[in-house]
């Protein structure tokens, strides 16, 4: 038997940005390289990074518009050049940047005639407009143009459904994807007797974050997805030590607060939002998706209720207990 001698590179992996430009306020481009890689590794990393860039990064969009003067989506408004449908499509294209997860309210209210642009949107302090020149509508008469807006931070692509149209509220298809496109390519080369690969990553974003920021966030999200596999052995050891899997302690609100001050604390907890806690982003996102917004909402759920939340993990309970301890609520 003839054994082939395999030489493995001892050089550490290095990456750098080889090209970066802003084609417009809503189109950023970045090109990155990662090397040296063994044969096959570039494709493994490239495929995973592309999926993470396009599907795992959160974005902020306008998801709903409401106005008493709009009878239905395909109507027109006297004194406004665009149809309601065109206005909704223009709102869909507005690029926003925000940090807090969840929803918030915004509005537009101006008197014509004149052009309505993204600059006219009245936003909460936590939301920022990337391109204030984006067109929304053209008011041709001296009338008031007023619309209430709902802004949401999420991920992926959400399609409105006919059942969503109610109370003169019109949902908007939301593209929560700040990365518009991502490609990877591979360059193979030989160093001595060693075959190596160099990975190229190309990233286009909508301006709400730079390609470099998108690369960092996608990498962190991928790492977060694989952490449970690293903790699998520790979880197995805990089960082997006869710790009952389903013996879940409750942290029910009514059982945790002392009776004499229950009512007073219940009122206080209603106004303490989980945004103020130091929960990890993934745990915070899980709670928000389940409509748990305040500490009162949280303490009214048992651990069994929390374990039913999608993507919620057993080790996340410790983060919640730590947050409650900091607020002196876990009595």
Protein backbone atom coordinates (compact mmCIF):
# COMPACT_ATOMS: atom_id res chain seq x y z
CA UNK A 1 0.00 0.00 0.00
CA UNK A 2 1.30 3.40 -0.98
CA UNK A 3 0.43 6.18 1.43
CA UNK A 4 0.21 9.70 0.08
CA UNK A 5 1.89 12.30 2.22
CA UNK A 6 -0.57 15.07 3.03
CA UNK A 7 0.83 18.46 3.94
CA UNK A 8 -1.49 20.65 5.96
CA UNK A 9 -0.94 24.39 6.10
CA UNK A 10 -0.12 25.72 9.54
CA UNK A 11 -0.81 29.33 8.53
CA UNK A 12 -3.79 30.81 10.38
CA UNK A 13 -6.87 31.77 8.42
CA UNK A 14 -6.92 35.43 7.48
CA UNK A 15 -9.56 37.59 5.84
CA UNK A 16 -9.58 41.10 4.48
CA UNK A 17 -11.73 43.46 2.47
CA UNK A 18 -10.24 43.93 -1.00
CA UNK A 19 -12.93 46.27 -2.36
CA UNK A 20 -15.57 48.50 -0.79
CA UNK A 21 -17.76 51.14 -2.36
CA UNK A 22 -21.08 52.93 -2.03
CA UNK A 23 -22.80 53.05 -5.41
CA UNK A 24 -25.67 55.02 -3.85
CA UNK A 25 -27.26 55.62 -0.47
CA UNK A 26 -29.20 52.39 -0.93
CA UNK A 27 -26.56 50.20 -2.55
CA UNK A 28 -23.28 49.26 -0.86
CA UNK A 29 -20.81 46.73 -2.23
CA UNK A 30 -18.01 44.82 -0.55
CA UNK A 31 -15.60 42.08 -1.68
CA UNK A 32 -13.75 39.93 0.85
CA UNK A 33 -11.24 37.08 0.74
CA UNK A 34 -10.52 34.28 3.20
CA UNK A 35 -7.37 32.13 2.95
CA UNK A 36 -5.66 29.72 3.13
CA UNK A 37 -8.26 26.94 3.03
CA UNK A 38 -7.96 23.24 2.38
CA UNK A 39 -9.69 21.76 -0.65
CA UNK A 40 -13.47 21.74 -0.11
CA UNK A 41 -13.49 24.13 2.81
CA UNK A 42 -14.10 27.24 0.68
CA UNK A 43 -17.33 25.80 -0.74
CA UNK A 44 -18.51 24.75 2.74
CA UNK A 45 -17.94 28.22 4.17
CA UNK A 46 -19.19 30.04 1.08
CA UNK A 47 -22.55 28.24 0.94
CA UNK A 48 -23.18 28.67 4.67
CA UNK A 49 -22.22 32.36 4.64
CA UNK A 50 -24.41 33.13 1.64
CA UNK A 51 -27.47 31.55 3.28
CA UNK A 52 -26.73 33.36 6.56
CA UNK A 53 -26.25 36.69 4.80
CA UNK A 54 -29.56 36.42 2.93
CA UNK A 55 -31.70 34.77 5.59
CA UNK A 56 -30.31 35.30 9.09
CA UNK A 57 -29.75 39.07 9.26
CA UNK A 58 -32.54 41.26 10.60
CA UNK A 59 -33.84 44.36 8.88
CA UNK A 60 -36.38 47.12 9.50
CA UNK A 61 -39.37 47.82 7.26
CA UNK A 62 -42.70 49.61 7.10
CA UNK A 63 -45.22 46.78 7.42
CA UNK A 64 -48.58 48.57 7.60
CA UNK A 65 -50.28 51.83 6.61
CA UNK A 66 -53.57 53.21 7.89
CA UNK A 67 -55.70 56.19 6.89
CA UNK A 68 -59.37 57.06 7.26
CA UNK A 69 -59.39 58.50 3.73
CA UNK A 70 -58.43 55.22 2.05
CA UNK A 71 -61.52 53.09 1.27
CA UNK A 72 -59.49 50.20 -0.22
CA UNK A 73 -56.01 49.43 -1.53
CA UNK A 74 -56.78 50.01 -5.21
CA UNK A 75 -58.63 53.31 -4.78
CA UNK A 76 -57.45 56.84 -5.55
CA UNK A 77 -57.45 59.93 -3.35
CA UNK A 78 -58.59 63.28 -4.72
CA UNK A 79 -55.68 65.68 -4.88
CA UNK A 80 -52.98 62.98 -4.90
CA UNK A 81 -51.33 61.96 -8.16
CA UNK A 82 -50.46 58.38 -7.18
CA UNK A 83 -52.98 55.63 -6.49
CA UNK A 84 -53.12 54.08 -3.04
CA UNK A 85 -51.41 50.96 -4.38
CA UNK A 86 -48.51 53.04 -5.74
CA UNK A 87 -48.14 54.82 -2.40
CA UNK A 88 -47.99 51.49 -0.57
CA UNK A 89 -45.33 50.25 -3.01
CA UNK A 90 -43.30 53.41 -2.42
CA UNK A 91 -43.55 52.89 1.35
CA UNK A 92 -42.36 49.32 0.86
CA UNK A 93 -39.13 50.63 -0.70
CA UNK A 94 -38.24 52.96 2.21
CA UNK A 95 -34.95 51.81 3.76
CA UNK A 96 -34.78 52.12 7.55
CA UNK A 97 -32.23 51.36 10.24
CA UNK A 98 -33.08 50.49 13.85
CA UNK A 99 -31.73 48.59 16.85
CA UNK A 100 -34.69 47.52 19.03
CA UNK A 101 -36.55 44.37 18.05
CA UNK A 102 -40.32 44.44 17.61
CA UNK A 103 -42.74 47.07 16.32
CA UNK A 104 -43.14 50.83 16.71
CA UNK A 105 -45.37 53.54 15.29
CA UNK A 106 -44.64 56.34 12.83
CA UNK A 107 -46.71 58.78 10.80
CA UNK A 108 -46.86 61.23 7.91
CA UNK A 109 -48.98 64.38 8.06
CA UNK A 110 -48.34 67.28 5.68
CA UNK A 111 -50.41 69.82 3.78
CA UNK A 112 -50.12 70.08 0.00
CA UNK A 113 -49.41 70.87 -2.63
CA UNK A 114 -45.95 69.35 -2.66
CA UNK A 115 -43.88 66.21 -2.82
CA UNK A 116 -43.99 63.70 0.03
CA UNK A 117 -40.66 61.98 0.66
CA UNK A 118 -39.14 59.80 3.34
CA UNK A 119 -37.98 63.00 5.05
CA UNK A 120 -41.62 63.70 6.00
CA UNK A 121 -41.98 60.51 8.06
CA UNK A 122 -42.19 61.25 11.79
CA UNK A 123 -40.16 58.48 13.43
CA UNK A 124 -39.36 57.39 16.99
CA UNK A 125 -35.77 58.13 18.10
CA UNK A 126 -34.74 54.49 17.69
CA UNK A 127 -35.41 54.45 13.92
CA UNK A 128 -33.36 56.20 11.24
CA UNK A 129 -34.04 56.78 7.54
CA UNK A 130 -31.18 55.78 5.23
CA UNK A 131 -32.24 57.82 2.17
CA UNK A 132 -34.53 60.75 3.00
CA UNK A 133 -35.06 61.58 -0.68
CA UNK A 134 -37.10 58.43 -1.41
CA UNK A 135 -40.37 59.44 -3.06
CA UNK A 136 -43.74 58.52 -1.49
CA UNK A 137 -46.47 60.66 -3.12
CA UNK A 138 -47.24 63.87 -5.00
CA UNK A 139 -49.95 66.08 -3.47
CA UNK A 140 -51.43 68.35 -6.17
CA UNK A 141 -54.12 70.13 -4.12
CA UNK A 142 -54.13 72.06 -0.77
CA UNK A 143 -55.26 69.02 1.21
CA UNK A 144 -53.87 67.22 4.24
CA UNK A 145 -52.06 63.96 3.53
CA UNK A 146 -52.01 61.91 6.75
CA UNK A 147 -51.06 58.25 7.16
CA UNK A 148 -50.26 56.18 10.25
CA UNK A 149 -47.44 53.67 9.79
CA UNK A 150 -46.30 50.53 11.57
CA UNK A 151 -42.56 49.77 11.58
CA UNK A 152 -41.17 46.35 12.43
CA UNK A 153 -37.74 44.76 12.77
CA UNK A 154 -37.59 41.12 11.74
CA UNK A 155 -35.91 38.78 9.28
CA UNK A 156 -36.83 37.12 5.98
CA UNK A 157 -39.74 38.02 3.71
CA UNK A 158 -43.29 38.44 5.00
CA UNK A 159 -46.20 38.36 2.55
CA UNK A 160 -49.48 40.07 3.41
CA UNK A 161 -52.69 38.02 3.30
CA UNK A 162 -56.25 39.12 2.38
CA UNK A 163 -57.37 38.48 5.96
CA UNK A 164 -55.00 41.21 7.16
CA UNK A 165 -57.11 44.02 5.68
CA UNK A 166 -59.28 45.38 8.47
CA UNK A 167 -60.03 48.66 10.25
CA UNK A 168 -58.77 50.59 7.21
CA UNK A 169 -55.32 49.13 7.89
CA UNK A 170 -53.32 47.94 4.88
CA UNK A 171 -50.38 45.54 5.44
CA UNK A 172 -47.35 45.90 3.19
CA UNK A 173 -45.16 43.06 1.94
CA UNK A 174 -42.01 43.38 4.03
CA UNK A 175 -38.51 42.46 2.88
CA UNK A 176 -36.52 42.24 6.12
CA UNK A 177 -33.29 41.54 4.24
CA UNK A 178 -30.64 44.26 4.32
CA UNK A 179 -28.40 42.07 2.14
CA UNK A 180 -29.72 42.36 -1.42
CA UNK A 181 -27.36 39.79 -2.92
CA UNK A 182 -24.40 37.63 -1.96
CA UNK A 183 -22.08 35.53 -4.11
CA UNK A 184 -19.06 33.39 -3.43
CA UNK A 185 -16.34 32.13 -5.74
CA UNK A 186 -13.30 29.92 -5.23
CA UNK A 187 -9.75 30.21 -6.53
CA UNK A 188 -7.58 27.10 -6.26
CA UNK A 189 -3.81 27.21 -6.25
CA UNK A 190 -0.81 25.06 -5.37
CA UNK A 191 1.87 25.99 -2.86
CA UNK A 192 4.65 23.45 -3.08
CA UNK A 193 2.93 20.05 -2.83
CA UNK A 194 -0.08 21.54 -1.08
CA UNK A 195 -3.40 22.31 -2.75
CA UNK A 196 -5.15 25.29 -1.23
CA UNK A 197 -8.20 27.43 -1.88
CA UNK A 198 -9.01 31.09 -1.59
CA UNK A 199 -12.62 32.14 -0.95
CA UNK A 200 -14.07 35.33 -2.42
CA UNK A 201 -17.28 36.75 -0.92
CA UNK A 202 -19.24 39.52 -2.65
CA UNK A 203 -21.96 41.32 -0.66
CA UNK A 204 -24.47 43.97 -1.73
CA UNK A 205 -26.55 45.73 0.97
CA UNK A 206 -29.39 48.27 0.94
CA UNK A 207 -27.42 50.85 2.94
CA UNK A 208 -28.94 50.08 6.34
CA UNK A 209 -25.65 48.38 7.16
CA UNK A 210 -22.31 48.03 5.39
CA UNK A 211 -21.14 44.75 3.78
CA UNK A 212 -18.54 44.42 6.54
CA UNK A 213 -21.22 44.78 9.24
CA UNK A 214 -23.37 42.22 7.40
CA UNK A 215 -20.45 39.78 7.29
CA UNK A 216 -19.85 40.16 11.03
CA UNK A 217 -23.55 39.69 11.90
CA UNK A 218 -23.96 36.66 9.64
CA UNK A 219 -20.87 35.08 11.22
CA UNK A 220 -22.20 35.65 14.74
CA UNK A 221 -25.58 34.16 13.78
CA UNK A 222 -23.92 31.05 12.33
CA UNK A 223 -21.87 30.58 15.49
CA UNK A 224 -25.01 30.94 17.61
CA UNK A 225 -26.75 28.24 15.56
CA UNK A 226 -23.94 25.73 16.18
CA UNK A 227 -23.44 26.40 19.91
CA UNK A 228 -26.09 23.79 20.94
CA UNK A 229 -23.95 21.05 19.36
CA UNK A 230 -21.03 22.11 21.54
CA UNK A 231 -23.25 21.86 24.63
CA UNK A 232 -24.68 18.45 23.66
CA UNK A 233 -22.18 16.49 25.78
CA UNK A 234 -22.86 18.66 28.83
CA UNK A 235 -26.61 18.15 28.41
CA UNK A 236 -26.11 14.36 28.20
CA UNK A 237 -24.10 14.37 31.43
CA UNK A 238 -26.86 16.25 33.23
CA UNK A 239 -29.44 13.68 32.14
CA UNK A 240 -27.17 10.80 33.20
CA UNK A 241 -27.00 12.33 36.66
CA UNK A 242 -30.72 11.55 36.98
CA UNK A 243 -31.86 15.14 36.82
CA UNK A 244 -35.51 14.88 35.75
CA UNK A 245 -35.92 16.35 32.30
CA UNK A 246 -39.46 17.58 32.85
CA UNK A 247 -39.09 18.83 36.42
CA UNK A 248 -39.37 22.47 35.43
CA UNK A 249 -39.63 25.05 38.21
CA UNK A 250 -42.32 27.65 37.76
CA UNK A 251 -41.73 31.35 38.00
CA UNK A 252 -45.35 32.38 38.10
CA UNK A 253 -46.02 36.02 38.90
CA UNK A 254 -48.62 35.38 41.60
CA UNK A 255 -46.36 32.89 43.37
CA UNK A 256 -43.27 35.06 43.30
CA UNK A 257 -44.50 38.31 44.79
CA UNK A 258 -45.30 38.86 48.42
CA UNK A 259 -49.05 39.31 48.94
CA UNK A 260 -49.00 42.75 50.72
CA UNK A 261 -47.32 44.43 47.78
CA UNK A 262 -48.59 42.23 44.96
CA UNK A 263 -50.88 44.82 43.43
CA UNK A 264 -48.31 47.61 43.60
CA UNK A 265 -45.58 45.48 42.00
CA UNK A 266 -47.96 44.14 39.39
CA UNK A 267 -48.63 47.72 38.25
CA UNK A 268 -44.90 48.50 38.28
CA UNK A 269 -43.95 45.38 36.31
CA UNK A 270 -46.46 46.27 33.62
CA UNK A 271 -44.26 49.23 32.71
CA UNK A 272 -40.87 47.51 32.92
CA UNK A 273 -40.08 46.25 29.42
CA UNK A 274 -37.69 43.41 28.66
CA UNK A 275 -35.88 45.86 26.36
CA UNK A 276 -34.38 47.30 29.56
CA UNK A 277 -32.88 43.95 30.58
CA UNK A 278 -29.52 42.52 29.55
CA UNK A 279 -30.91 39.42 27.86
CA UNK A 280 -28.91 37.91 24.96
CA UNK A 281 -30.31 39.04 21.57
CA UNK A 282 -31.57 35.56 20.62
CA UNK A 283 -33.45 35.09 23.94
CA UNK A 284 -34.87 38.61 23.63
CA UNK A 285 -36.04 37.88 20.09
CA UNK A 286 -37.73 34.62 21.15
CA UNK A 287 -39.68 36.42 23.87
CA UNK A 288 -40.72 39.29 21.60
CA UNK A 289 -41.97 36.88 18.93
CA UNK A 290 -44.19 35.29 21.59
CA UNK A 291 -45.60 38.71 22.51
CA UNK A 292 -43.77 38.79 25.86
CA UNK A 293 -42.95 42.48 26.12
CA UNK A 294 -42.82 43.28 29.85
CA UNK A 295 -41.60 41.61 33.03
CA UNK A 296 -45.24 41.12 33.97
CA UNK A 297 -45.75 39.09 30.78
CA UNK A 298 -42.61 37.10 31.56
CA UNK A 299 -43.50 36.28 35.17
CA UNK A 300 -46.97 35.14 34.15
CA UNK A 301 -45.36 32.29 32.19
CA UNK A 302 -44.01 29.08 33.65
CA UNK A 303 -40.78 27.53 32.44
CA UNK A 304 -42.90 24.93 30.66
CA UNK A 305 -44.61 27.74 28.72
CA UNK A 306 -41.25 29.21 27.73
CA UNK A 307 -39.90 25.85 26.56
CA UNK A 308 -42.75 25.72 24.02
CA UNK A 309 -41.44 28.86 22.32
CA UNK A 310 -39.78 28.19 18.98
CA UNK A 311 -35.94 28.23 19.23
CA UNK A 312 -36.08 28.64 23.03
CA UNK A 313 -33.49 26.41 24.76
CA UNK A 314 -33.12 24.96 28.22
CA UNK A 315 -29.96 26.98 28.91
CA UNK A 316 -31.85 30.20 28.09
CA UNK A 317 -33.71 29.88 31.40
CA UNK A 318 -30.51 30.82 33.24
CA UNK A 319 -30.26 34.07 31.27
CA UNK A 320 -33.83 34.94 32.24
CA UNK A 321 -33.27 34.08 35.92
CA UNK A 322 -30.13 36.26 35.89
CA UNK A 323 -32.11 39.16 34.37
CA UNK A 324 -34.82 38.75 37.00
CA UNK A 325 -32.21 38.67 39.75
CA UNK A 326 -30.69 41.91 38.50
CA UNK A 327 -34.12 43.55 38.64
CA UNK A 328 -34.68 41.92 42.09
CA UNK A 329 -37.83 40.23 40.79
CA UNK A 330 -36.92 36.58 41.24
CA UNK A 331 -38.01 36.25 44.84
